[in-house]
Amino acid sequence: MGAWPYMKLGMPTLIEFGSLEQNVGLCRELGLHFIELNMNLPIFTPERLDAKRLRAWAQDSGIGFTIHLPEELDLSSFHPSIRKGHIERCKESMAWAAAVGVTVLNMHLNPGIYFTLPKRKVWINERYESEFVSALDESYSELYALAESLQLQLCIENTYNFHLPFVRSALERLQSYTAFRLTWDVGHDAKAGFAEEPVLLAYRDRIRHMHLHDCSAASDHQPLYTGNVPIGDRLRLARDLDLGVIIEVKTAEALRQSVHALRDRGEWMDCKRT
């Protein structure tokens, strides 16, 4: 992604746009630094975006990229062939990222499936916690070795699940790897009643990326300063840790609203491109 002498603000790829060019145009319009290429969209996959072309584009435009790996990845699947396929897709994506010059990849930790009982739900991965943690450890041992060899930051994002006991056990196992890195999604944390915050702060020195959006009673991924997320506090943490920050709202209108709100509150001073 490159280094800037100020906080780095980026945007997600938007589903309303049908091309990378449209996303780059909005990124330039708003004076942002980088775009997170979301591999859930078929147009942002290694098969559709040539690495050399994308690298040249980044160099010519001055706009960097991060990558959001597919959300369906399950590195703890109890089915070896499924787990192997997902590991291989991660490796392919990491090699592509390195060829582009991307250094940050964001990914979810899939908590698995749960059974809904009359009075509660039971997570299968909690019922078989030791197998879940062991499978995840085995998968990440391969991926972290590759991340270190390619000088990549493979960041696990909190997705309303870091407070679950069996997920905390997995994070405790993974933190033993020097390549263990995290993304703090501040809106997800708010939607979970800020139950993920203490877990993330316990690994403060491993946080390398941030997804910034607000959260209201209705939903998260709201424009900044429209909900209950302490935006200023989160931005101060991002500055302290030198994080890249994605303003992760889902429409061009919400993105413009959020950038204007940052400017109106003086937060834009440390984020501007020039």
Protein backbone atom coordinates (compact mmCIF):
# COMPACT_ATOMS: atom_id res chain seq x y z
CA MET A 1 0.00 0.00 0.00
CA GLY A 2 2.96 2.29 0.45
CA ALA A 3 3.77 4.74 3.24
CA TRP A 4 2.40 8.25 3.69
CA PRO A 5 3.47 10.82 6.33
CA TYR A 6 -0.14 11.12 7.54
CA MET A 7 -3.05 8.85 8.35
CA LYS A 8 -4.11 6.76 5.37
CA LEU A 9 -7.81 6.77 4.51
CA GLY A 10 -9.37 4.45 1.97
CA MET A 11 -12.70 3.29 0.59
CA PRO A 12 -14.26 -0.09 -0.14
CA THR A 13 -15.14 -1.17 -3.65
CA LEU A 14 -18.82 -0.29 -4.13
CA ILE A 15 -21.40 -2.66 -5.58
CA GLU A 16 -23.12 0.22 -7.37
CA PHE A 17 -20.05 0.58 -9.59
CA GLY A 18 -19.34 -1.93 -12.33
CA SER A 19 -15.66 -1.26 -12.82
CA LEU A 20 -12.43 -0.48 -11.04
CA GLU A 21 -12.23 2.76 -13.02
CA GLN A 22 -15.40 4.08 -11.36
CA ASN A 23 -14.06 3.26 -7.91
CA VAL A 24 -10.73 4.93 -8.70
CA GLY A 25 -12.60 8.00 -9.93
CA LEU A 26 -14.46 8.40 -6.64
CA CYS A 27 -11.29 7.73 -4.67
CA ARG A 28 -9.58 10.59 -6.51
CA GLU A 29 -12.61 12.88 -6.18
CA LEU A 30 -12.65 12.48 -2.39
CA GLY A 31 -8.87 12.71 -1.97
CA LEU A 32 -8.58 9.25 -0.45
CA HIS A 33 -5.41 7.17 -0.52
CA PHE A 34 -6.43 3.62 -1.35
CA ILE A 35 -9.19 1.20 -2.29
CA GLU A 36 -9.96 -2.17 -0.71
CA LEU A 37 -10.59 -4.64 -3.53
CA ASN A 38 -13.39 -6.93 -2.36
CA MET A 39 -12.92 -10.43 -3.76
CA ASN A 40 -16.56 -11.27 -3.08
CA LEU A 41 -17.18 -9.36 -6.32
CA PRO A 42 -16.10 -11.42 -9.35
CA ILE A 43 -14.56 -8.40 -11.10
CA PHE A 44 -11.99 -8.07 -8.28
CA THR A 45 -10.40 -11.50 -8.46
CA PRO A 46 -6.96 -12.56 -9.73
CA GLU A 47 -8.59 -14.13 -12.79
CA ARG A 48 -10.15 -10.80 -13.82
CA LEU A 49 -7.50 -8.27 -12.73
CA ASP A 50 -4.05 -8.70 -14.16
CA ALA A 51 -1.41 -8.13 -11.46
CA LYS A 52 1.05 -6.25 -13.69
CA ARG A 53 -1.67 -3.96 -15.02
CA LEU A 54 -3.00 -3.27 -11.53
CA ARG A 55 0.48 -2.56 -10.18
CA ALA A 56 1.19 -0.10 -13.01
CA TRP A 57 -2.16 1.55 -12.43
CA ALA A 58 -1.36 2.04 -8.74
CA GLN A 59 2.04 3.51 -9.55
CA ASP A 60 0.64 5.89 -12.17
CA SER A 61 -2.32 7.09 -10.10
CA GLY A 62 -0.69 7.16 -6.67
CA ILE A 63 -3.69 5.25 -5.33
CA GLY A 64 -2.90 2.12 -3.36
CA PHE A 65 -4.88 -1.05 -2.81
CA THR A 66 -5.67 -3.50 -0.05
CA ILE A 67 -7.57 -6.76 -0.55
CA HIS A 68 -10.61 -8.20 1.21
CA LEU A 69 -10.55 -11.98 0.87
CA PRO A 70 -13.82 -13.87 0.13
CA GLU A 71 -16.08 -14.03 3.17
CA GLU A 72 -17.06 -17.67 2.60
CA LEU A 73 -13.55 -18.89 3.41
CA ASP A 74 -13.62 -21.47 6.20
CA LEU A 75 -10.13 -22.39 7.34
CA SER A 76 -11.47 -24.56 10.16
CA SER A 77 -13.86 -26.71 8.14
CA PHE A 78 -14.10 -30.25 9.48
CA HIS A 79 -14.03 -31.46 5.86
CA PRO A 80 -10.36 -31.74 4.78
CA SER A 81 -11.01 -31.27 1.05
CA ILE A 82 -13.05 -28.10 1.67
CA ARG A 83 -10.42 -26.72 4.04
CA LYS A 84 -7.66 -27.51 1.55
CA GLY A 85 -9.48 -25.68 -1.23
CA HIS A 86 -9.96 -22.58 0.91
CA ILE A 87 -6.29 -22.59 1.95
CA GLU A 88 -5.27 -22.82 -1.70
CA ARG A 89 -7.51 -19.88 -2.61
CA CYS A 90 -5.87 -17.85 0.14
CA LYS A 91 -2.42 -18.74 -1.18
CA GLU A 92 -3.38 -17.80 -4.74
CA SER A 93 -4.73 -14.47 -3.51
CA MET A 94 -1.62 -13.77 -1.44
CA ALA A 95 0.67 -14.44 -4.42
CA TRP A 96 -1.49 -12.12 -6.54
CA ALA A 97 -1.39 -9.42 -3.85
CA ALA A 98 2.40 -9.63 -3.66
CA ALA A 99 2.67 -9.32 -7.46
CA VAL A 100 0.48 -6.21 -7.36
CA GLY A 101 2.48 -4.67 -4.51
CA VAL A 102 -0.36 -4.93 -1.99
CA THR A 103 0.79 -5.54 1.57
CA VAL A 104 -2.49 -5.77 3.54
CA LEU A 105 -5.10 -8.50 3.12
CA ASN A 106 -8.24 -8.52 5.25
CA MET A 107 -10.17 -11.68 6.08
CA HIS A 108 -12.95 -12.98 8.30
CA LEU A 109 -12.66 -15.79 10.82
CA ASN A 110 -15.64 -18.01 10.04
CA PRO A 111 -17.31 -19.08 13.31
CA GLY A 112 -19.19 -21.87 11.55
CA ILE A 113 -22.75 -23.11 11.90
CA TYR A 114 -25.00 -23.21 14.93
CA PHE A 115 -28.00 -25.33 15.93
CA THR A 116 -31.04 -23.39 17.09
CA LEU A 117 -32.48 -25.06 20.19
CA PRO A 118 -35.76 -24.05 21.88
CA LYS A 119 -34.08 -21.65 24.31
CA ARG A 120 -30.59 -21.05 22.91
CA LYS A 121 -28.26 -21.65 20.01
CA VAL A 122 -25.28 -23.97 20.11
CA TRP A 123 -22.29 -23.37 17.85
CA ILE A 124 -20.89 -26.56 16.34
CA ASN A 125 -17.37 -25.15 16.65
CA GLU A 126 -17.97 -24.56 20.33
CA ARG A 127 -19.22 -28.12 20.82
CA TYR A 128 -16.07 -29.39 19.06
CA GLU A 129 -13.78 -26.58 20.17
CA SER A 130 -10.52 -28.52 20.30
CA GLU A 131 -10.99 -29.75 16.72
CA PHE A 132 -11.98 -26.26 15.56
CA VAL A 133 -8.92 -24.62 17.11
CA SER A 134 -6.61 -27.35 15.87
CA ALA A 135 -7.86 -27.10 12.27
CA LEU A 136 -7.57 -23.32 12.33
CA ASP A 137 -4.06 -23.52 13.74
CA GLU A 138 -3.02 -25.96 11.03
CA SER A 139 -4.40 -23.71 8.29
CA TYR A 140 -2.84 -20.51 9.59
CA SER A 141 0.53 -22.15 10.15
CA GLU A 142 0.73 -22.49 6.35
CA LEU A 143 -0.68 -19.05 5.59
CA TYR A 144 1.46 -17.18 8.10
CA ALA A 145 4.60 -18.82 6.76
CA LEU A 146 3.67 -17.63 3.26
CA ALA A 147 2.71 -14.16 4.56
CA GLU A 148 6.14 -13.74 6.12
CA SER A 149 7.96 -14.91 2.99
CA LEU A 150 5.94 -12.48 0.84
CA GLN A 151 6.05 -9.66 3.44
CA LEU A 152 2.26 -9.49 3.68
CA GLN A 153 -0.01 -8.53 6.56
CA LEU A 154 -2.83 -11.09 6.79
CA CYS A 155 -5.37 -9.38 9.07
CA ILE A 156 -8.29 -11.18 10.74
CA GLU A 157 -11.35 -8.93 11.10
CA ASN A 158 -13.78 -9.06 14.00
CA THR A 159 -17.26 -9.90 12.70
CA TYR A 160 -19.49 -9.89 15.81
CA ASN A 161 -17.69 -13.04 16.99
CA PHE A 162 -14.47 -12.13 18.83
CA HIS A 163 -16.30 -12.25 22.16
CA LEU A 164 -17.40 -15.87 21.66
CA PRO A 165 -15.37 -18.14 23.96
CA PHE A 166 -14.33 -20.62 21.25
CA VAL A 167 -13.21 -17.78 18.95
CA ARG A 168 -11.22 -16.25 21.81
CA SER A 169 -9.52 -19.64 22.25
CA ALA A 170 -8.60 -19.65 18.57
CA LEU A 171 -7.17 -16.13 18.73
CA GLU A 172 -5.14 -17.08 21.78
CA ARG A 173 -3.64 -19.98 19.83
CA LEU A 174 -2.95 -17.86 16.73
CA GLN A 175 -1.31 -15.01 18.62
CA SER A 176 1.69 -17.27 19.19
CA TYR A 177 2.60 -16.74 15.52
CA THR A 178 4.70 -13.66 14.83
CA ALA A 179 2.63 -12.99 11.68
CA PHE A 180 -0.68 -12.83 13.60
CA ARG A 181 -2.43 -9.55 12.63
CA LEU A 182 -5.89 -8.08 13.18
CA THR A 183 -8.36 -5.66 11.61
CA TRP A 184 -10.54 -3.70 14.03
CA ASP A 185 -13.97 -3.20 12.48
CA VAL A 186 -15.37 -0.55 14.79
CA GLY A 187 -18.95 -0.81 13.54
CA HIS A 188 -19.05 -4.57 14.03
CA ASP A 189 -17.74 -4.07 17.56
CA ALA A 190 -20.50 -1.53 18.25
CA LYS A 191 -23.17 -3.86 16.87
CA ALA A 192 -21.88 -6.53 19.27
CA GLY A 193 -22.43 -4.10 22.16
CA PHE A 194 -18.69 -3.29 22.26
CA ALA A 195 -18.07 -6.83 23.54
CA GLU A 196 -15.22 -7.26 21.04
CA GLU A 197 -13.29 -4.18 22.18
CA PRO A 198 -11.50 -5.76 25.19
CA VAL A 199 -10.41 -8.71 23.05
CA LEU A 200 -8.98 -6.41 20.39
CA LEU A 201 -7.24 -4.20 22.93
CA ALA A 202 -5.64 -7.30 24.45
CA TYR A 203 -3.88 -7.67 21.08
CA ARG A 204 -3.41 -3.95 20.48
CA ASP A 205 0.12 -4.38 19.12
CA ARG A 206 -1.16 -6.82 16.48
CA ILE A 207 -3.80 -4.48 14.99
CA ARG A 208 -2.69 -3.35 11.53
CA HIS A 209 -5.90 -2.26 9.77
CA MET A 210 -9.22 -0.59 10.58
CA HIS A 211 -12.70 -0.59 9.09
CA LEU A 212 -14.44 2.62 10.14
CA HIS A 213 -18.21 3.04 9.97
CA ASP A 214 -20.95 3.99 12.36
CA CYS A 215 -23.65 1.85 13.93
CA SER A 216 -27.21 2.70 14.85
CA ALA A 217 -29.95 0.61 16.41
CA ALA A 218 -31.04 -0.45 12.95
CA SER A 219 -27.73 -1.55 11.45
CA ASP A 220 -24.03 -0.89 11.09
CA HIS A 221 -22.15 0.38 8.00
CA GLN A 222 -23.81 3.76 8.56
CA PRO A 223 -22.19 7.11 7.63
CA LEU A 224 -19.73 8.49 10.17
CA TYR A 225 -21.13 10.47 13.13
CA THR A 226 -24.68 9.14 12.68
CA GLY A 227 -24.58 6.41 15.35
CA ASN A 228 -22.97 5.36 18.62
CA VAL A 229 -19.38 4.62 17.57
CA PRO A 230 -16.79 6.93 19.22
CA ILE A 231 -15.33 7.94 15.86
CA GLY A 232 -12.80 10.39 17.30
CA ASP A 233 -11.40 7.82 19.74
CA ARG A 234 -11.05 5.24 16.99
CA LEU A 235 -9.27 7.71 14.70
CA ARG A 236 -6.83 8.57 17.49
CA LEU A 237 -6.05 4.89 17.91
CA ALA A 238 -5.53 4.56 14.16
CA ARG A 239 -3.06 7.46 14.23
CA ASP A 240 -1.24 6.01 17.24
CA LEU A 241 -0.88 2.62 15.57
CA ASP A 242 -0.27 4.00 12.06
CA LEU A 243 -3.20 2.07 10.60
CA GLY A 244 -4.73 2.25 7.18
CA VAL A 245 -8.42 3.10 7.67
CA ILE A 246 -11.21 2.06 5.32
CA ILE A 247 -14.30 4.26 5.54
CA GLU A 248 -16.47 1.18 5.10
CA VAL A 249 -19.84 2.54 4.10
CA LYS A 250 -21.58 0.92 1.18
CA THR A 251 -22.68 3.69 -1.21
CA ALA A 252 -21.02 6.64 -2.92
CA GLU A 253 -23.50 8.97 -1.22
CA ALA A 254 -22.67 7.64 2.24
CA LEU A 255 -18.96 7.85 1.48
CA ARG A 256 -19.21 11.50 0.41
CA GLN A 257 -21.29 12.24 3.54
CA SER A 258 -18.67 10.61 5.75
CA VAL A 259 -15.73 12.43 4.18
CA HIS A 260 -17.53 15.76 4.47
CA ALA A 261 -18.28 15.00 8.14
CA LEU A 262 -14.59 14.32 8.77
CA ARG A 263 -13.72 17.65 7.18
CA ASP A 264 -16.39 19.54 9.14
CA ARG A 265 -15.01 18.18 12.43
CA GLY A 266 -11.38 18.91 11.61
CA GLU A 267 -10.45 15.24 11.40
CA TRP A 268 -9.45 15.64 7.75
CA MET A 269 -6.32 17.64 8.63
CA ASP A 270 -4.20 14.54 9.22
CA CYS A 271 -5.70 12.61 6.32
CA LYS A 272 -5.37 14.84 3.29
CA ARG A 273 -3.33 13.63 0.35
CA THR A 274 -1.26 16.84 -0.10
